[in-house]
Amino acid sequence: MKNVFNKSDAEELINRIDKLTPTTKQLWGKMSVAQMLAHCNVTYEFVYEDKHPKPNPFMKFILKTFVKKEVVNDIPYKRSLRTAPEFIMNEDKNFDSEKNRLINFIKRTQELGEVYFDGKESRSFGELSKSEWNNMFYKHLDHHLNQFGV
């Protein structure tokens, strides 16, 4: 798996995002390209913004026990998996705004680097290693960029 903390791998992700246009069609799923970009931004909002409520203790237990291993391992996601409520995009989104936000989040993550993330607490999964953070960031982006053919 590629490494979001590696400058060339982060630039490769950004180059793939730059190939998207407001009219790029998905190969599967229901989201528009702008909704997909907003959906991908949610992962970073959990890290950099206080926009979403933290899970209650019971939900955090469920997430850590049953969901974490699927999210942070290095096995790519299958198509059309269930989506957590915070990630569901029902309304229209602004393509340029969401694209710029995502690129800026990728750059910020790469610049902070793996040392910053190694052992950092995830609001949903508890403490994660740098490899787990990388897997979570990279495979989610890769999955959705593949969904839109880039």
C-alpha atoms as a PDB file:
ATOM      1  CA  MET A   1       0.000   0.000   0.000  1.00  0.00           C
ATOM      2  CA  LYS A   2       1.235   3.501  -0.799  1.00  0.00           C
ATOM      3  CA  ASN A   3       2.115   5.887   2.017  1.00  0.00           C
ATOM      4  CA  VAL A   4       0.259   9.197   2.460  1.00  0.00           C
ATOM      5  CA  PHE A   5       3.174  10.451   4.559  1.00  0.00           C
ATOM      6  CA  ASN A   6       5.531  10.021   1.596  1.00  0.00           C
ATOM      7  CA  LYS A   7       5.658  13.202  -0.514  1.00  0.00           C
ATOM      8  CA  SER A   8       5.627  11.424  -3.892  1.00  0.00           C
ATOM      9  CA  ASP A   9       2.710   9.175  -2.886  1.00  0.00           C
ATOM     10  CA  ALA A  10       0.756  12.194  -1.602  1.00  0.00           C
ATOM     11  CA  GLU A  11       1.470  14.020  -4.872  1.00  0.00           C
ATOM     12  CA  GLU A  12       0.247  10.980  -6.808  1.00  0.00           C
ATOM     13  CA  LEU A  13      -3.072  11.146  -4.925  1.00  0.00           C
ATOM     14  CA  ILE A  14      -3.333  14.864  -5.678  1.00  0.00           C
ATOM     15  CA  ASN A  15      -2.580  14.234  -9.373  1.00  0.00           C
ATOM     16  CA  ARG A  16      -5.382  11.664  -9.465  1.00  0.00           C
ATOM     17  CA  ILE A  17      -7.767  14.165  -7.842  1.00  0.00           C
ATOM     18  CA  ASP A  18      -6.707  16.798 -10.391  1.00  0.00           C
ATOM     19  CA  LYS A  19      -7.912  14.481 -13.174  1.00  0.00           C
ATOM     20  CA  LEU A  20     -11.472  14.719 -11.859  1.00  0.00           C
ATOM     21  CA  THR A  21     -13.907  17.210 -13.361  1.00  0.00           C
ATOM     22  CA  PRO A  22     -17.364  18.288 -12.168  1.00  0.00           C
ATOM     23  CA  THR A  23     -18.843  15.910 -14.767  1.00  0.00           C
ATOM     24  CA  THR A  24     -16.730  12.812 -14.019  1.00  0.00           C
ATOM     25  CA  LYS A  25     -19.102   9.847 -13.647  1.00  0.00           C
ATOM     26  CA  GLN A  26     -18.803   7.095 -11.091  1.00  0.00           C
ATOM     27  CA  LEU A  27     -18.199   3.507 -12.183  1.00  0.00           C
ATOM     28  CA  TRP A  28     -20.358   2.261  -9.292  1.00  0.00           C
ATOM     29  CA  GLY A  29     -22.350   3.750  -6.429  1.00  0.00           C
ATOM     30  CA  LYS A  30     -24.699   6.709  -6.181  1.00  0.00           C
ATOM     31  CA  MET A  31     -22.553   9.719  -5.213  1.00  0.00           C
ATOM     32  CA  SER A  32     -21.696  12.487  -7.644  1.00  0.00           C
ATOM     33  CA  VAL A  33     -18.027  13.401  -7.935  1.00  0.00           C
ATOM     34  CA  ALA A  34     -18.538  16.469  -5.704  1.00  0.00           C
ATOM     35  CA  GLN A  35     -20.329  14.352  -3.094  1.00  0.00           C
ATOM     36  CA  MET A  36     -17.490  11.810  -3.220  1.00  0.00           C
ATOM     37  CA  LEU A  37     -14.923  14.536  -2.550  1.00  0.00           C
ATOM     38  CA  ALA A  38     -17.009  15.813   0.387  1.00  0.00           C
ATOM     39  CA  HIS A  39     -17.346  12.211   1.610  1.00  0.00           C
ATOM     40  CA  CYS A  40     -13.550  11.784   1.522  1.00  0.00           C
ATOM     41  CA  ASN A  41     -13.111  15.049   3.415  1.00  0.00           C
ATOM     42  CA  VAL A  42     -15.008  13.634   6.400  1.00  0.00           C
ATOM     43  CA  THR A  43     -12.067  11.387   7.340  1.00  0.00           C
ATOM     44  CA  TYR A  44      -9.877  14.477   7.618  1.00  0.00           C
ATOM     45  CA  GLU A  45     -12.575  16.546   9.354  1.00  0.00           C
ATOM     46  CA  PHE A  46     -12.455  13.989  12.173  1.00  0.00           C
ATOM     47  CA  VAL A  47      -8.747  14.774  12.583  1.00  0.00           C
ATOM     48  CA  TYR A  48      -8.533  18.506  11.883  1.00  0.00           C
ATOM     49  CA  GLU A  49     -11.954  19.991  12.655  1.00  0.00           C
ATOM     50  CA  ASP A  50     -14.387  19.768  15.532  1.00  0.00           C
ATOM     51  CA  LYS A  51     -17.316  19.407  13.156  1.00  0.00           C
ATOM     52  CA  HIS A  52     -18.715  15.992  14.078  1.00  0.00           C
ATOM     53  CA  PRO A  53     -19.860  14.759  17.488  1.00  0.00           C
ATOM     54  CA  LYS A  54     -17.665  12.183  19.177  1.00  0.00           C
ATOM     55  CA  PRO A  55     -19.157   8.719  19.536  1.00  0.00           C
ATOM     56  CA  ASN A  56     -20.613   7.868  22.932  1.00  0.00           C
ATOM     57  CA  PRO A  57     -18.775   5.197  24.970  1.00  0.00           C
ATOM     58  CA  PHE A  58     -21.001   2.357  23.727  1.00  0.00           C
ATOM     59  CA  MET A  59     -20.593   3.349  20.071  1.00  0.00           C
ATOM     60  CA  LYS A  60     -16.824   3.783  20.517  1.00  0.00           C
ATOM     61  CA  PHE A  61     -16.684   0.241  21.942  1.00  0.00           C
ATOM     62  CA  ILE A  62     -18.586  -1.067  18.885  1.00  0.00           C
ATOM     63  CA  LEU A  63     -16.335   0.853  16.493  1.00  0.00           C
ATOM     64  CA  LYS A  64     -13.111  -0.310  18.167  1.00  0.00           C
ATOM     65  CA  THR A  65     -14.285  -3.905  18.491  1.00  0.00           C
ATOM     66  CA  PHE A  66     -16.010  -4.549  15.166  1.00  0.00           C
ATOM     67  CA  VAL A  67     -15.146  -1.804  12.668  1.00  0.00           C
ATOM     68  CA  LYS A  68     -11.565  -0.734  13.393  1.00  0.00           C
ATOM     69  CA  LYS A  69      -9.828  -3.821  11.985  1.00  0.00           C
ATOM     70  CA  GLU A  70     -11.643  -3.434   8.646  1.00  0.00           C
ATOM     71  CA  VAL A  71     -10.792   0.265   8.383  1.00  0.00           C
ATOM     72  CA  VAL A  72      -7.114   0.215   9.391  1.00  0.00           C
ATOM     73  CA  ASN A  73      -5.915  -3.012   7.764  1.00  0.00           C
ATOM     74  CA  ASP A  74      -4.242  -3.027   4.352  1.00  0.00           C
ATOM     75  CA  ILE A  75      -6.991  -4.934   2.528  1.00  0.00           C
ATOM     76  CA  PRO A  76      -8.761  -2.737  -0.057  1.00  0.00           C
ATOM     77  CA  TYR A  77     -12.452  -1.984   0.433  1.00  0.00           C
ATOM     78  CA  LYS A  78     -15.051  -3.861  -1.576  1.00  0.00           C
ATOM     79  CA  ARG A  79     -17.543  -1.929  -3.659  1.00  0.00           C
ATOM     80  CA  SER A  80     -20.774  -0.567  -2.172  1.00  0.00           C
ATOM     81  CA  LEU A  81     -20.058  -1.155   1.528  1.00  0.00           C
ATOM     82  CA  ARG A  82     -22.309   0.352   4.208  1.00  0.00           C
ATOM     83  CA  THR A  83     -21.466   3.952   4.989  1.00  0.00           C
ATOM     84  CA  ALA A  84     -21.387   5.528   8.447  1.00  0.00           C
ATOM     85  CA  PRO A  85     -24.005   8.290   8.841  1.00  0.00           C
ATOM     86  CA  GLU A  86     -21.427  11.114   9.003  1.00  0.00           C
ATOM     87  CA  PHE A  87     -20.108  10.068   5.587  1.00  0.00           C
ATOM     88  CA  ILE A  88     -23.464   9.996   3.766  1.00  0.00           C
ATOM     89  CA  MET A  89     -23.810  12.862   1.289  1.00  0.00           C
ATOM     90  CA  ASN A  90     -27.388  13.503   0.221  1.00  0.00           C
ATOM     91  CA  GLU A  91     -27.184  17.152  -0.786  1.00  0.00           C
ATOM     92  CA  ASP A  92     -25.309  18.735  -3.678  1.00  0.00           C
ATOM     93  CA  LYS A  93     -21.748  19.834  -3.000  1.00  0.00           C
ATOM     94  CA  ASN A  94     -19.468  22.397  -4.620  1.00  0.00           C
ATOM     95  CA  PHE A  95     -16.893  20.489  -6.673  1.00  0.00           C
ATOM     96  CA  ASP A  96     -14.107  23.105  -6.552  1.00  0.00           C
ATOM     97  CA  SER A  97     -14.501  23.760  -2.838  1.00  0.00           C
ATOM     98  CA  GLU A  98     -14.501  20.069  -1.890  1.00  0.00           C
ATOM     99  CA  LYS A  99     -11.591  19.322  -4.234  1.00  0.00           C
ATOM    100  CA  ASN A 100      -9.472  22.129  -2.761  1.00  0.00           C
ATOM    101  CA  ARG A 101     -10.306  21.085   0.800  1.00  0.00           C
ATOM    102  CA  LEU A 102      -9.288  17.488   0.086  1.00  0.00           C
ATOM    103  CA  ILE A 103      -6.007  18.476  -1.547  1.00  0.00           C
ATOM    104  CA  ASN A 104      -5.200  20.759   1.385  1.00  0.00           C
ATOM    105  CA  PHE A 105      -5.977  17.973   3.875  1.00  0.00           C
ATOM    106  CA  ILE A 106      -3.668  15.583   1.990  1.00  0.00           C
ATOM    107  CA  LYS A 107      -0.865  18.165   1.949  1.00  0.00           C
ATOM    108  CA  ARG A 108      -1.315  18.936   5.646  1.00  0.00           C
ATOM    109  CA  THR A 109      -1.257  15.247   6.566  1.00  0.00           C
ATOM    110  CA  GLN A 110       1.881  14.618   4.525  1.00  0.00           C
ATOM    111  CA  GLU A 111       3.619  17.670   6.002  1.00  0.00           C
ATOM    112  CA  LEU A 112       2.768  16.706   9.600  1.00  0.00           C
ATOM    113  CA  GLY A 113       4.161  13.272   8.825  1.00  0.00           C
ATOM    114  CA  GLU A 114       4.055   9.834  10.325  1.00  0.00           C
ATOM    115  CA  VAL A 115       5.764  10.890  13.579  1.00  0.00           C
ATOM    116  CA  TYR A 116       2.840  13.227  14.311  1.00  0.00           C
ATOM    117  CA  PHE A 117       0.322  10.450  13.681  1.00  0.00           C
ATOM    118  CA  ASP A 118       2.154   7.517  15.322  1.00  0.00           C
ATOM    119  CA  GLY A 119       0.184   6.798  18.498  1.00  0.00           C
ATOM    120  CA  LYS A 120      -2.286   9.640  17.826  1.00  0.00           C
ATOM    121  CA  GLU A 121      -5.771   9.077  19.192  1.00  0.00           C
ATOM    122  CA  SER A 122      -8.550   8.535  16.652  1.00  0.00           C
ATOM    123  CA  ARG A 123     -11.929   9.794  17.824  1.00  0.00           C
ATOM    124  CA  SER A 124     -13.542   6.527  16.714  1.00  0.00           C
ATOM    125  CA  PHE A 125     -10.876   3.843  17.111  1.00  0.00           C
ATOM    126  CA  GLY A 126      -8.585   4.941  19.940  1.00  0.00           C
ATOM    127  CA  GLU A 127      -4.820   5.122  19.546  1.00  0.00           C
ATOM    128  CA  LEU A 128      -3.562   4.185  16.071  1.00  0.00           C
ATOM    129  CA  SER A 129      -0.087   3.452  14.762  1.00  0.00           C
ATOM    130  CA  LYS A 130       1.339   5.397  11.835  1.00  0.00           C
ATOM    131  CA  SER A 131       0.649   2.353   9.620  1.00  0.00           C
ATOM    132  CA  GLU A 132      -2.983   2.209  10.712  1.00  0.00           C
ATOM    133  CA  TRP A 133      -3.435   5.937  10.056  1.00  0.00           C
ATOM    134  CA  ASN A 134      -1.826   5.517   6.631  1.00  0.00           C
ATOM    135  CA  ASN A 135      -3.998   2.538   5.750  1.00  0.00           C
ATOM    136  CA  MET A 136      -7.146   4.367   6.825  1.00  0.00           C
ATOM    137  CA  PHE A 137      -6.311   7.512   4.851  1.00  0.00           C
ATOM    138  CA  TYR A 138      -4.883   5.867   1.742  1.00  0.00           C
ATOM    139  CA  LYS A 139      -7.254   3.003   1.129  1.00  0.00           C
ATOM    140  CA  HIS A 140     -10.351   5.191   1.560  1.00  0.00           C
ATOM    141  CA  LEU A 141      -9.072   7.737  -0.962  1.00  0.00           C
ATOM    142  CA  ASP A 142      -7.821   5.052  -3.337  1.00  0.00           C
ATOM    143  CA  HIS A 143     -11.193   3.265  -3.190  1.00  0.00           C
ATOM    144  CA  HIS A 144     -13.133   6.381  -4.147  1.00  0.00           C
ATOM    145  CA  LEU A 145     -10.682   7.603  -6.756  1.00  0.00           C
ATOM    146  CA  ASN A 146     -10.961   4.163  -8.371  1.00  0.00           C
ATOM    147  CA  GLN A 147     -14.750   4.528  -8.129  1.00  0.00           C
ATOM    148  CA  PHE A 148     -14.400   7.541 -10.433  1.00  0.00           C
ATOM    149  CA  GLY A 149     -11.844   5.986 -12.740  1.00  0.00           C
ATOM    150  CA  VAL A 150      -8.743   7.941 -11.719  1.00  0.00           C
END
